[in-house]
């Protein structure tokens, strides 16, 4: 599993994820996700276009991250999910907790709303 965090501007980070978000994959990135995304309290758009599989561990990581950001007065949005990953997101109704968009520009608009 790969994770890359890059600033979009002074208040928003882009997080690019690549690989399988199963138990081994999440174990590889969770600490870096928390340090790079949650610790600074900046808004974040999470690029899921490179995620080929999403399991409960990945969903848990997103929910924990969203709640931690909310406590800091910030938030995240997910975008770019493949059909398979979007199906999982829809099944668990994750959009009730975290905004989900098709594109990065839509995700950025959700963060500014």
PDB file of N, CA and C in Angstrom:
ATOM      1  N   UNK A   1       0.847  -1.172   0.000  1.00  0.00           N
ATOM      2  CA  UNK A   1       0.000   0.000   0.000  1.00  0.00           C
ATOM      3  C   UNK A   1       0.892   1.233   0.000  1.00  0.00           C
ATOM      4  N   UNK A   2       0.549   2.200  -0.824  1.00  0.00           N
ATOM      5  CA  UNK A   2       1.310   3.440  -0.906  1.00  0.00           C
ATOM      6  C   UNK A   2       0.459   4.607  -0.464  1.00  0.00           C
ATOM      7  N   UNK A   3       1.098   5.598   0.148  1.00  0.00           N
ATOM      8  CA  UNK A   3       0.431   6.814   0.598  1.00  0.00           C
ATOM      9  C   UNK A   3       1.331   7.992   0.284  1.00  0.00           C
ATOM     10  N   UNK A   4       0.754   9.008  -0.348  1.00  0.00           N
ATOM     11  CA  UNK A   4       1.500  10.224  -0.655  1.00  0.00           C
ATOM     12  C   UNK A   4       0.651  11.425  -0.249  1.00  0.00           C
ATOM     13  N   UNK A   5       1.194  12.288   0.585  1.00  0.00           N
ATOM     14  CA  UNK A   5       0.500  13.492   1.030  1.00  0.00           C
ATOM     15  C   UNK A   5       1.188  14.697   0.403  1.00  0.00           C
ATOM     16  N   UNK A   6       0.397  15.548  -0.253  1.00  0.00           N
ATOM     17  CA  UNK A   6       0.962  16.764  -0.843  1.00  0.00           C
ATOM     18  C   UNK A   6      -0.011  17.916  -0.624  1.00  0.00           C
ATOM     19  N   UNK A   7       0.525  19.118  -0.364  1.00  0.00           N
ATOM     20  CA  UNK A   7      -0.353  20.270  -0.150  1.00  0.00           C
ATOM     21  C   UNK A   7      -0.964  20.757  -1.458  1.00  0.00           C
ATOM     22  N   UNK A   8      -2.244  21.120  -1.393  1.00  0.00           N
ATOM     23  CA  UNK A   8      -2.906  21.776  -2.522  1.00  0.00           C
ATOM     24  C   UNK A   8      -2.773  23.287  -2.331  1.00  0.00           C
ATOM     25  N   UNK A   9      -3.005  23.730  -1.103  1.00  0.00           N
ATOM     26  CA  UNK A   9      -2.811  25.130  -0.729  1.00  0.00           C
ATOM     27  C   UNK A   9      -2.493  25.174   0.764  1.00  0.00           C
ATOM     28  N   UNK A  10      -2.623  26.331   1.378  1.00  0.00           N
ATOM     29  CA  UNK A  10      -2.256  26.477   2.789  1.00  0.00           C
ATOM     30  C   UNK A  10      -3.176  25.741   3.753  1.00  0.00           C
ATOM     31  N   UNK A  11      -4.363  25.347   3.279  1.00  0.00           N
ATOM     32  CA  UNK A  11      -5.315  24.738   4.204  1.00  0.00           C
ATOM     33  C   UNK A  11      -5.773  23.340   3.826  1.00  0.00           C
ATOM     34  N   UNK A  12      -5.356  22.833   2.648  1.00  0.00           N
ATOM     35  CA  UNK A  12      -5.852  21.535   2.171  1.00  0.00           C
ATOM     36  C   UNK A  12      -4.700  20.669   1.672  1.00  0.00           C
ATOM     37  N   UNK A  13      -4.723  19.395   2.087  1.00  0.00           N
ATOM     38  CA  UNK A  13      -3.784  18.386   1.591  1.00  0.00           C
ATOM     39  C   UNK A  13      -4.498  17.428   0.645  1.00  0.00           C
ATOM     40  N   UNK A  14      -3.759  16.945  -0.342  1.00  0.00           N
ATOM     41  CA  UNK A  14      -4.228  15.859  -1.195  1.00  0.00           C
ATOM     42  C   UNK A  14      -3.515  14.591  -0.718  1.00  0.00           C
ATOM     43  N   UNK A  15      -4.281  13.540  -0.516  1.00  0.00           N
ATOM     44  CA  UNK A  15      -3.717  12.267  -0.089  1.00  0.00           C
ATOM     45  C   UNK A  15      -4.005  11.247  -1.180  1.00  0.00           C
ATOM     46  N   UNK A  16      -2.954  10.710  -1.761  1.00  0.00           N
ATOM     47  CA  UNK A  16      -3.096   9.714  -2.830  1.00  0.00           C
ATOM     48  C   UNK A  16      -2.803   8.348  -2.238  1.00  0.00           C
ATOM     49  N   UNK A  17      -3.760   7.428  -2.393  1.00  0.00           N
ATOM     50  CA  UNK A  17      -3.601   6.061  -1.906  1.00  0.00           C
ATOM     51  C   UNK A  17      -3.543   5.108  -3.096  1.00  0.00           C
ATOM     52  N   UNK A  18      -2.643   4.141  -3.035  1.00  0.00           N
ATOM     53  CA  UNK A  18      -2.512   3.149  -4.099  1.00  0.00           C
ATOM     54  C   UNK A  18      -2.332   1.779  -3.470  1.00  0.00           C
ATOM     55  N   UNK A  19      -3.162   0.828  -3.884  1.00  0.00           N
ATOM     56  CA  UNK A  19      -3.024  -0.545  -3.412  1.00  0.00           C
ATOM     57  C   UNK A  19      -4.309  -1.073  -2.821  1.00  0.00           C
ATOM     58  N   UNK A  20      -4.150  -2.124  -2.035  1.00  0.00           N
ATOM     59  CA  UNK A  20      -5.287  -2.785  -1.398  1.00  0.00           C
ATOM     60  C   UNK A  20      -5.424  -2.312   0.047  1.00  0.00           C
ATOM     61  N   UNK A  21      -6.592  -1.815   0.384  1.00  0.00           N
ATOM     62  CA  UNK A  21      -6.845  -1.374   1.752  1.00  0.00           C
ATOM     63  C   UNK A  21      -7.483  -2.513   2.538  1.00  0.00           C
ATOM     64  N   UNK A  22      -6.704  -3.573   2.662  1.00  0.00           N
ATOM     65  CA  UNK A  22      -7.073  -4.703   3.508  1.00  0.00           C
ATOM     66  C   UNK A  22      -6.232  -4.591   4.780  1.00  0.00           C
ATOM     67  N   UNK A  23      -6.278  -5.572   5.645  1.00  0.00           N
ATOM     68  CA  UNK A  23      -5.536  -5.474   6.916  1.00  0.00           C
ATOM     69  C   UNK A  23      -4.052  -5.211   6.709  1.00  0.00           C
ATOM     70  N   UNK A  24      -3.344  -5.985   5.862  1.00  0.00           N
ATOM     71  CA  UNK A  24      -1.917  -5.696   5.677  1.00  0.00           C
ATOM     72  C   UNK A  24      -1.667  -4.310   5.067  1.00  0.00           C
ATOM     73  N   UNK A  25      -2.501  -3.910   4.117  1.00  0.00           N
ATOM     74  CA  UNK A  25      -2.322  -2.607   3.470  1.00  0.00           C
ATOM     75  C   UNK A  25      -2.531  -1.458   4.433  1.00  0.00           C
ATOM     76  N   UNK A  26      -3.591  -1.523   5.227  1.00  0.00           N
ATOM     77  CA  UNK A  26      -3.867  -0.458   6.186  1.00  0.00           C
ATOM     78  C   UNK A  26      -2.776  -0.425   7.254  1.00  0.00           C
ATOM     79  N   UNK A  27      -2.299  -1.593   7.682  1.00  0.00           N
ATOM     80  CA  UNK A  27      -1.203  -1.636   8.656  1.00  0.00           C
ATOM     81  C   UNK A  27       0.021  -0.882   8.144  1.00  0.00           C
ATOM     82  N   UNK A  28       0.273  -0.937   6.839  1.00  0.00           N
ATOM     83  CA  UNK A  28       1.433  -0.269   6.249  1.00  0.00           C
ATOM     84  C   UNK A  28       1.321   1.250   6.263  1.00  0.00           C
ATOM     85  N   UNK A  29       0.096   1.777   6.191  1.00  0.00           N
ATOM     86  CA  UNK A  29      -0.049   3.224   6.009  1.00  0.00           C
ATOM     87  C   UNK A  29      -0.735   3.962   7.156  1.00  0.00           C
ATOM     88  N   UNK A  30      -1.383   3.267   8.061  1.00  0.00           N
ATOM     89  CA  UNK A  30      -2.230   3.947   9.045  1.00  0.00           C
ATOM     90  C   UNK A  30      -1.474   4.971   9.891  1.00  0.00           C
ATOM     91  N   UNK A  31      -0.302   4.637  10.358  1.00  0.00           N
ATOM     92  CA  UNK A  31       0.466   5.571  11.180  1.00  0.00           C
ATOM     93  C   UNK A  31       0.854   6.808  10.364  1.00  0.00           C
ATOM     94  N   UNK A  32       1.291   6.599   9.121  1.00  0.00           N
ATOM     95  CA  UNK A  32       1.654   7.729   8.259  1.00  0.00           C
ATOM     96  C   UNK A  32       0.422   8.558   7.890  1.00  0.00           C
ATOM     97  N   UNK A  33      -0.727   7.889   7.704  1.00  0.00           N
ATOM     98  CA  UNK A  33      -1.977   8.594   7.420  1.00  0.00           C
ATOM     99  C   UNK A  33      -2.329   9.511   8.593  1.00  0.00           C
ATOM    100  N   UNK A  34      -2.258   8.971   9.787  1.00  0.00           N
ATOM    101  CA  UNK A  34      -2.569   9.749  10.984  1.00  0.00           C
ATOM    102  C   UNK A  34      -1.591  10.910  11.144  1.00  0.00           C
ATOM    103  N   UNK A  35      -0.307  10.648  10.971  1.00  0.00           N
ATOM    104  CA  UNK A  35       0.710  11.690  11.137  1.00  0.00           C
ATOM    105  C   UNK A  35       0.618  12.747  10.032  1.00  0.00           C
ATOM    106  N   UNK A  36       0.395  12.330   8.819  1.00  0.00           N
ATOM    107  CA  UNK A  36       0.417  13.252   7.695  1.00  0.00           C
ATOM    108  C   UNK A  36      -0.888  13.970   7.431  1.00  0.00           C
ATOM    109  N   UNK A  37      -1.995  13.386   7.884  1.00  0.00           N
ATOM    110  CA  UNK A  37      -3.299  13.956   7.576  1.00  0.00           C
ATOM    111  C   UNK A  37      -3.993  14.502   8.821  1.00  0.00           C
ATOM    112  N   UNK A  38      -4.022  13.727   9.869  1.00  0.00           N
ATOM    113  CA  UNK A  38      -4.797  14.096  11.053  1.00  0.00           C
ATOM    114  C   UNK A  38      -4.027  15.050  11.959  1.00  0.00           C
ATOM    115  N   UNK A  39      -2.759  14.786  12.172  1.00  0.00           N
ATOM    116  CA  UNK A  39      -1.975  15.546  13.154  1.00  0.00           C
ATOM    117  C   UNK A  39      -1.965  17.047  12.874  1.00  0.00           C
ATOM    118  N   UNK A  40      -1.895  17.438  11.596  1.00  0.00           N
ATOM    119  CA  UNK A  40      -1.812  18.868  11.294  1.00  0.00           C
ATOM    120  C   UNK A  40      -3.181  19.543  11.250  1.00  0.00           C
ATOM    121  N   UNK A  41      -4.251  18.764  11.232  1.00  0.00           N
ATOM    122  CA  UNK A  41      -5.596  19.328  11.282  1.00  0.00           C
ATOM    123  C   UNK A  41      -6.041  20.052  10.023  1.00  0.00           C
ATOM    124  N   UNK A  42      -5.293  19.891   8.933  1.00  0.00           N
ATOM    125  CA  UNK A  42      -5.680  20.530   7.673  1.00  0.00           C
ATOM    126  C   UNK A  42      -6.780  19.710   6.993  1.00  0.00           C
ATOM    127  N   UNK A  43      -7.606  20.368   6.198  1.00  0.00           N
ATOM    128  CA  UNK A  43      -8.595  19.657   5.398  1.00  0.00           C
ATOM    129  C   UNK A  43      -7.848  18.733   4.436  1.00  0.00           C
ATOM    130  N   UNK A  44      -8.530  17.662   4.011  1.00  0.00           N
ATOM    131  CA  UNK A  44      -7.867  16.707   3.126  1.00  0.00           C
ATOM    132  C   UNK A  44      -8.842  16.143   2.101  1.00  0.00           C
ATOM    133  N   UNK A  45      -8.365  16.026   0.874  1.00  0.00           N
ATOM    134  CA  UNK A  45      -9.079  15.270  -0.148  1.00  0.00           C
ATOM    135  C   UNK A  45      -8.301  13.985  -0.361  1.00  0.00           C
ATOM    136  N   UNK A  46      -9.012  12.867  -0.287  1.00  0.00           N
ATOM    137  CA  UNK A  46      -8.389  11.554  -0.361  1.00  0.00           C
ATOM    138  C   UNK A  46      -8.675  10.949  -1.728  1.00  0.00           C
ATOM    139  N   UNK A  47      -7.620  10.745  -2.523  1.00  0.00           N
ATOM    140  CA  UNK A  47      -7.722  10.187  -3.875  1.00  0.00           C
ATOM    141  C   UNK A  47      -7.736   8.664  -3.791  1.00  0.00           C
ATOM    142  N   UNK A  48      -8.877   8.082  -4.120  1.00  0.00           N
ATOM    143  CA  UNK A  48      -9.039   6.626  -4.065  1.00  0.00           C
ATOM    144  C   UNK A  48      -8.879   5.962  -5.432  1.00  0.00           C
ATOM    145  N   UNK A  49      -8.490   6.711  -6.455  1.00  0.00           N
ATOM    146  CA  UNK A  49      -8.436   6.143  -7.805  1.00  0.00           C
ATOM    147  C   UNK A  49      -7.450   4.983  -7.933  1.00  0.00           C
ATOM    148  N   UNK A  50      -6.449   4.926  -7.054  1.00  0.00           N
ATOM    149  CA  UNK A  50      -5.474   3.837  -7.097  1.00  0.00           C
ATOM    150  C   UNK A  50      -5.769   2.708  -6.129  1.00  0.00           C
ATOM    151  N   UNK A  51      -6.904   2.789  -5.435  1.00  0.00           N
ATOM    152  CA  UNK A  51      -7.264   1.744  -4.467  1.00  0.00           C
ATOM    153  C   UNK A  51      -8.054   0.665  -5.186  1.00  0.00           C
ATOM    154  N   UNK A  52      -7.530  -0.564  -5.176  1.00  0.00           N
ATOM    155  CA  UNK A  52      -8.175  -1.666  -5.893  1.00  0.00           C
ATOM    156  C   UNK A  52      -9.121  -2.481  -5.021  1.00  0.00           C
ATOM    157  N   UNK A  53      -9.003  -2.338  -3.693  1.00  0.00           N
ATOM    158  CA  UNK A  53      -9.836  -3.122  -2.778  1.00  0.00           C
ATOM    159  C   UNK A  53      -9.968  -2.353  -1.470  1.00  0.00           C
ATOM    160  N   UNK A  54     -11.174  -2.333  -0.909  1.00  0.00           N
ATOM    161  CA  UNK A  54     -11.420  -1.640   0.349  1.00  0.00           C
ATOM    162  C   UNK A  54     -12.136  -2.578   1.311  1.00  0.00           C
ATOM    163  N   UNK A  55     -11.490  -2.870   2.428  1.00  0.00           N
ATOM    164  CA  UNK A  55     -12.066  -3.741   3.450  1.00  0.00           C
ATOM    165  C   UNK A  55     -12.419  -2.919   4.690  1.00  0.00           C
ATOM    166  N   UNK A  56     -12.943  -3.582   5.680  1.00  0.00           N
ATOM    167  CA  UNK A  56     -13.408  -2.907   6.898  1.00  0.00           C
ATOM    168  C   UNK A  56     -12.294  -2.130   7.589  1.00  0.00           C
ATOM    169  N   UNK A  57     -11.063  -2.601   7.523  1.00  0.00           N
ATOM    170  CA  UNK A  57      -9.953  -1.872   8.161  1.00  0.00           C
ATOM    171  C   UNK A  57      -9.763  -0.502   7.522  1.00  0.00           C
ATOM    172  N   UNK A  58      -9.900  -0.432   6.215  1.00  0.00           N
ATOM    173  CA  UNK A  58      -9.778   0.845   5.522  1.00  0.00           C
ATOM    174  C   UNK A  58     -10.927   1.780   5.863  1.00  0.00           C
ATOM    175  N   UNK A  59     -12.126   1.234   5.926  1.00  0.00           N
ATOM    176  CA  UNK A  59     -13.295   2.027   6.301  1.00  0.00           C
ATOM    177  C   UNK A  59     -13.106   2.575   7.714  1.00  0.00           C
ATOM    178  N   UNK A  60     -12.631   1.743   8.623  1.00  0.00           N
ATOM    179  CA  UNK A  60     -12.383   2.171  10.000  1.00  0.00           C
ATOM    180  C   UNK A  60     -11.364   3.298  10.039  1.00  0.00           C
ATOM    181  N   UNK A  61     -10.299   3.186   9.244  1.00  0.00           N
ATOM    182  CA  UNK A  61      -9.269   4.227   9.211  1.00  0.00           C
ATOM    183  C   UNK A  61      -9.863   5.559   8.735  1.00  0.00           C
ATOM    184  N   UNK A  62     -10.712   5.517   7.703  1.00  0.00           N
ATOM    185  CA  UNK A  62     -11.338   6.739   7.207  1.00  0.00           C
ATOM    186  C   UNK A  62     -12.270   7.364   8.250  1.00  0.00           C
ATOM    187  N   UNK A  63     -13.081   6.530   8.903  1.00  0.00           N
ATOM    188  CA  UNK A  63     -14.013   7.049   9.912  1.00  0.00           C
ATOM    189  C   UNK A  63     -13.250   7.660  11.083  1.00  0.00           C
ATOM    190  N   UNK A  64     -12.227   6.970  11.560  1.00  0.00           N
ATOM    191  CA  UNK A  64     -11.426   7.500  12.671  1.00  0.00           C
ATOM    192  C   UNK A  64     -10.758   8.808  12.270  1.00  0.00           C
ATOM    193  N   UNK A  65     -10.247   8.870  11.061  1.00  0.00           N
ATOM    194  CA  UNK A  65      -9.613  10.092  10.572  1.00  0.00           C
ATOM    195  C   UNK A  65     -10.593  11.239  10.458  1.00  0.00           C
ATOM    196  N   UNK A  66     -11.772  10.966   9.916  1.00  0.00           N
ATOM    197  CA  UNK A  66     -12.785  12.008   9.763  1.00  0.00           C
ATOM    198  C   UNK A  66     -13.222  12.542  11.121  1.00  0.00           C
ATOM    199  N   UNK A  67     -13.395  11.662  12.065  1.00  0.00           N
ATOM    200  CA  UNK A  67     -13.814  12.094  13.415  1.00  0.00           C
ATOM    201  C   UNK A  67     -12.710  12.903  14.092  1.00  0.00           C
ATOM    202  N   UNK A  68     -11.473  12.486  13.930  1.00  0.00           N
ATOM    203  CA  UNK A  68     -10.362  13.237  14.518  1.00  0.00           C
ATOM    204  C   UNK A  68     -10.243  14.623  13.904  1.00  0.00           C
ATOM    205  N   UNK A  69     -10.404  14.715  12.584  1.00  0.00           N
ATOM    206  CA  UNK A  69     -10.361  16.017  11.930  1.00  0.00           C
ATOM    207  C   UNK A  69     -11.525  16.896  12.392  1.00  0.00           C
ATOM    208  N   UNK A  70     -12.687  16.293  12.556  1.00  0.00           N
ATOM    209  CA  UNK A  70     -13.856  17.051  13.005  1.00  0.00           C
ATOM    210  C   UNK A  70     -13.605  17.673  14.376  1.00  0.00           C
ATOM    211  N   UNK A  71     -12.945  16.930  15.253  1.00  0.00           N
ATOM    212  CA  UNK A  71     -12.613  17.464  16.576  1.00  0.00           C
ATOM    213  C   UNK A  71     -11.671  18.664  16.488  1.00  0.00           C
ATOM    214  N   UNK A  72     -10.911  18.748  15.401  1.00  0.00           N
ATOM    215  CA  UNK A  72      -9.986  19.861  15.197  1.00  0.00           C
ATOM    216  C   UNK A  72     -10.616  20.963  14.351  1.00  0.00           C
ATOM    217  N   UNK A  73     -11.924  20.815  14.068  1.00  0.00           N
ATOM    218  CA  UNK A  73     -12.612  21.815  13.259  1.00  0.00           C
ATOM    219  C   UNK A  73     -12.313  21.709  11.782  1.00  0.00           C
ATOM    220  N   UNK A  74     -11.921  20.522  11.329  1.00  0.00           N
ATOM    221  CA  UNK A  74     -11.561  20.315   9.938  1.00  0.00           C
ATOM    222  C   UNK A  74     -12.356  19.142   9.375  1.00  0.00           C
ATOM    223  N   UNK A  75     -12.085  18.780   8.118  1.00  0.00           N
ATOM    224  CA  UNK A  75     -12.802  17.644   7.532  1.00  0.00           C
ATOM    225  C   UNK A  75     -12.047  17.095   6.335  1.00  0.00           C
ATOM    226  N   UNK A  76     -12.535  15.945   5.872  1.00  0.00           N
ATOM    227  CA  UNK A  76     -11.961  15.301   4.697  1.00  0.00           C
ATOM    228  C   UNK A  76     -13.080  14.933   3.737  1.00  0.00           C
ATOM    229  N   UNK A  77     -12.706  14.703   2.486  1.00  0.00           N
ATOM    230  CA  UNK A  77     -13.621  14.197   1.476  1.00  0.00           C
ATOM    231  C   UNK A  77     -12.877  13.157   0.655  1.00  0.00           C
ATOM    232  N   UNK A  78     -13.590  12.151   0.218  1.00  0.00           N
ATOM    233  CA  UNK A  78     -13.030  11.091  -0.615  1.00  0.00           C
ATOM    234  C   UNK A  78     -13.435  11.334  -2.060  1.00  0.00           C
ATOM    235  N   UNK A  79     -12.580  10.933  -3.001  1.00  0.00           N
ATOM    236  CA  UNK A  79     -12.951  11.054  -4.418  1.00  0.00           C
ATOM    237  C   UNK A  79     -12.228  10.012  -5.255  1.00  0.00           C
ATOM    238  N   UNK A  80     -12.768   9.793  -6.463  1.00  0.00           N
ATOM    239  CA  UNK A  80     -12.101   8.969  -7.456  1.00  0.00           C
ATOM    240  C   UNK A  80     -12.191   7.473  -7.256  1.00  0.00           C
ATOM    241  N   UNK A  81     -13.155   6.999  -6.477  1.00  0.00           N
ATOM    242  CA  UNK A  81     -13.254   5.553  -6.218  1.00  0.00           C
ATOM    243  C   UNK A  81     -13.588   4.781  -7.488  1.00  0.00           C
ATOM    244  N   UNK A  82     -12.959   3.629  -7.636  1.00  0.00           N
ATOM    245  CA  UNK A  82     -13.309   2.727  -8.731  1.00  0.00           C
ATOM    246  C   UNK A  82     -14.722   2.192  -8.486  1.00  0.00           C
ATOM    247  N   UNK A  83     -15.295   1.558  -9.478  1.00  0.00           N
ATOM    248  CA  UNK A  83     -16.642   0.997  -9.346  1.00  0.00           C
ATOM    249  C   UNK A  83     -16.722   0.030  -8.177  1.00  0.00           C
ATOM    250  N   UNK A  84     -15.709  -0.826  -8.030  1.00  0.00           N
ATOM    251  CA  UNK A  84     -15.712  -1.825  -6.957  1.00  0.00           C
ATOM    252  C   UNK A  84     -15.630  -1.163  -5.584  1.00  0.00           C
ATOM    253  N   UNK A  85     -14.741  -0.185  -5.446  1.00  0.00           N
ATOM    254  CA  UNK A  85     -14.585   0.509  -4.166  1.00  0.00           C
ATOM    255  C   UNK A  85     -15.821   1.358  -3.873  1.00  0.00           C
ATOM    256  N   UNK A  86     -16.368   2.004  -4.884  1.00  0.00           N
ATOM    257  CA  UNK A  86     -17.582   2.811  -4.685  1.00  0.00           C
ATOM    258  C   UNK A  86     -18.735   1.929  -4.212  1.00  0.00           C
ATOM    259  N   UNK A  87     -18.801   0.715  -4.705  1.00  0.00           N
ATOM    260  CA  UNK A  87     -19.844  -0.221  -4.267  1.00  0.00           C
ATOM    261  C   UNK A  87     -19.744  -0.491  -2.769  1.00  0.00           C
ATOM    262  N   UNK A  88     -18.520  -0.651  -2.274  1.00  0.00           N
ATOM    263  CA  UNK A  88     -18.309  -0.864  -0.837  1.00  0.00           C
ATOM    264  C   UNK A  88     -18.719   0.391  -0.060  1.00  0.00           C
ATOM    265  N   UNK A  89     -18.307   1.552  -0.542  1.00  0.00           N
ATOM    266  CA  UNK A  89     -18.661   2.810   0.123  1.00  0.00           C
ATOM    267  C   UNK A  89     -20.174   2.986   0.195  1.00  0.00           C
ATOM    268  N   UNK A  90     -20.863   2.639  -0.897  1.00  0.00           N
ATOM    269  CA  UNK A  90     -22.325   2.738  -0.929  1.00  0.00           C
ATOM    270  C   UNK A  90     -22.969   1.749   0.030  1.00  0.00           C
ATOM    271  N   UNK A  91     -22.455   0.532   0.072  1.00  0.00           N
ATOM    272  CA  UNK A  91     -23.018  -0.513   0.927  1.00  0.00           C
ATOM    273  C   UNK A  91     -22.986  -0.120   2.394  1.00  0.00           C
ATOM    274  N   UNK A  92     -21.884   0.500   2.830  1.00  0.00           N
ATOM    275  CA  UNK A  92     -21.757   0.889   4.239  1.00  0.00           C
ATOM    276  C   UNK A  92     -22.248   2.316   4.493  1.00  0.00           C
ATOM    277  N   UNK A  93     -22.769   2.972   3.453  1.00  0.00           N
ATOM    278  CA  UNK A  93     -23.285   4.341   3.556  1.00  0.00           C
ATOM    279  C   UNK A  93     -22.265   5.287   4.186  1.00  0.00           C
ATOM    280  N   UNK A  94     -21.019   5.163   3.755  1.00  0.00           N
ATOM    281  CA  UNK A  94     -19.961   6.004   4.318  1.00  0.00           C
ATOM    282  C   UNK A  94     -20.197   7.485   4.033  1.00  0.00           C
ATOM    283  N   UNK A  95     -20.960   7.775   2.978  1.00  0.00           N
ATOM    284  CA  UNK A  95     -21.234   9.171   2.663  1.00  0.00           C
ATOM    285  C   UNK A  95     -22.079   9.864   3.737  1.00  0.00           C
ATOM    286  N   UNK A  96     -22.621   9.114   4.671  1.00  0.00           N
ATOM    287  CA  UNK A  96     -23.343   9.699   5.801  1.00  0.00           C
ATOM    288  C   UNK A  96     -22.379  10.297   6.822  1.00  0.00           C
ATOM    289  N   UNK A  97     -21.101   9.881   6.737  1.00  0.00           N
ATOM    290  CA  UNK A  97     -20.078  10.347   7.682  1.00  0.00           C
ATOM    291  C   UNK A  97     -19.041  11.222   6.989  1.00  0.00           C
ATOM    292  N   UNK A  98     -18.643  10.810   5.781  1.00  0.00           N
ATOM    293  CA  UNK A  98     -17.584  11.496   5.033  1.00  0.00           C
ATOM    294  C   UNK A  98     -18.120  11.844   3.647  1.00  0.00           C
ATOM    295  N   UNK A  99     -17.984  13.087   3.214  1.00  0.00           N
ATOM    296  CA  UNK A  99     -18.422  13.429   1.855  1.00  0.00           C
ATOM    297  C   UNK A  99     -17.626  12.632   0.812  1.00  0.00           C
ATOM    298  N   UNK A 100     -18.326  12.162  -0.211  1.00  0.00           N
ATOM    299  CA  UNK A 100     -17.702  11.383  -1.279  1.00  0.00           C
ATOM    300  C   UNK A 100     -18.066  12.023  -2.609  1.00  0.00           C
ATOM    301  N   UNK A 101     -17.058  12.212  -3.468  1.00  0.00           N
ATOM    302  CA  UNK A 101     -17.262  12.842  -4.768  1.00  0.00           C
ATOM    303  C   UNK A 101     -16.618  11.996  -5.864  1.00  0.00           C
ATOM    304  N   UNK A 102     -17.007  12.276  -7.084  1.00  0.00           N
ATOM    305  CA  UNK A 102     -16.433  11.561  -8.224  1.00  0.00           C
ATOM    306  C   UNK A 102     -15.064  12.127  -8.611  1.00  0.00           C
ATOM    307  N   UNK A 103     -14.902  13.459  -8.496  1.00  0.00           N
ATOM    308  CA  UNK A 103     -13.671  14.101  -8.939  1.00  0.00           C
ATOM    309  C   UNK A 103     -13.037  14.921  -7.817  1.00  0.00           C
ATOM    310  N   UNK A 104     -11.786  15.270  -8.006  1.00  0.00           N
ATOM    311  CA  UNK A 104     -11.092  16.092  -7.018  1.00  0.00           C
ATOM    312  C   UNK A 104     -11.736  17.469  -6.895  1.00  0.00           C
ATOM    313  N   UNK A 105     -12.113  18.074  -8.009  1.00  0.00           N
ATOM    314  CA  UNK A 105     -12.726  19.405  -7.938  1.00  0.00           C
ATOM    315  C   UNK A 105     -14.049  19.360  -7.165  1.00  0.00           C
ATOM    316  N   UNK A 106     -14.824  18.293  -7.335  1.00  0.00           N
ATOM    317  CA  UNK A 106     -16.072  18.144  -6.581  1.00  0.00           C
ATOM    318  C   UNK A 106     -15.762  17.947  -5.089  1.00  0.00           C
ATOM    319  N   UNK A 107     -14.726  17.172  -4.778  1.00  0.00           N
ATOM    320  CA  UNK A 107     -14.336  16.945  -3.383  1.00  0.00           C
ATOM    321  C   UNK A 107     -13.892  18.253  -2.738  1.00  0.00           C
ATOM    322  N   UNK A 108     -13.132  19.049  -3.462  1.00  0.00           N
ATOM    323  CA  UNK A 108     -12.694  20.353  -2.934  1.00  0.00           C
ATOM    324  C   UNK A 108     -13.894  21.259  -2.679  1.00  0.00           C
ATOM    325  N   UNK A 109     -14.867  21.226  -3.566  1.00  0.00           N
ATOM    326  CA  UNK A 109     -16.079  22.030  -3.375  1.00  0.00           C
ATOM    327  C   UNK A 109     -16.826  21.579  -2.110  1.00  0.00           C
ATOM    328  N   UNK A 110     -16.850  20.275  -1.861  1.00  0.00           N
ATOM    329  CA  UNK A 110     -17.512  19.759  -0.648  1.00  0.00           C
ATOM    330  C   UNK A 110     -16.798  20.243   0.616  1.00  0.00           C
ATOM    331  N   UNK A 111     -15.480  20.366   0.565  1.00  0.00           N
ATOM    332  CA  UNK A 111     -14.735  20.843   1.731  1.00  0.00           C
ATOM    333  C   UNK A 111     -14.978  22.318   1.997  1.00  0.00           C
ATOM    334  N   UNK A 112     -15.247  23.061   0.943  1.00  0.00           N
ATOM    335  CA  UNK A 112     -15.447  24.499   1.095  1.00  0.00           C
ATOM    336  C   UNK A 112     -16.886  24.846   1.430  1.00  0.00           C
ATOM    337  N   UNK A 113     -17.781  23.864   1.313  1.00  0.00           N
ATOM    338  CA  UNK A 113     -19.223  24.103   1.584  1.00  0.00           C
ATOM    339  C   UNK A 113     -19.474  24.243   3.074  1.00  0.00           C
TER     340      UNK A 113
END
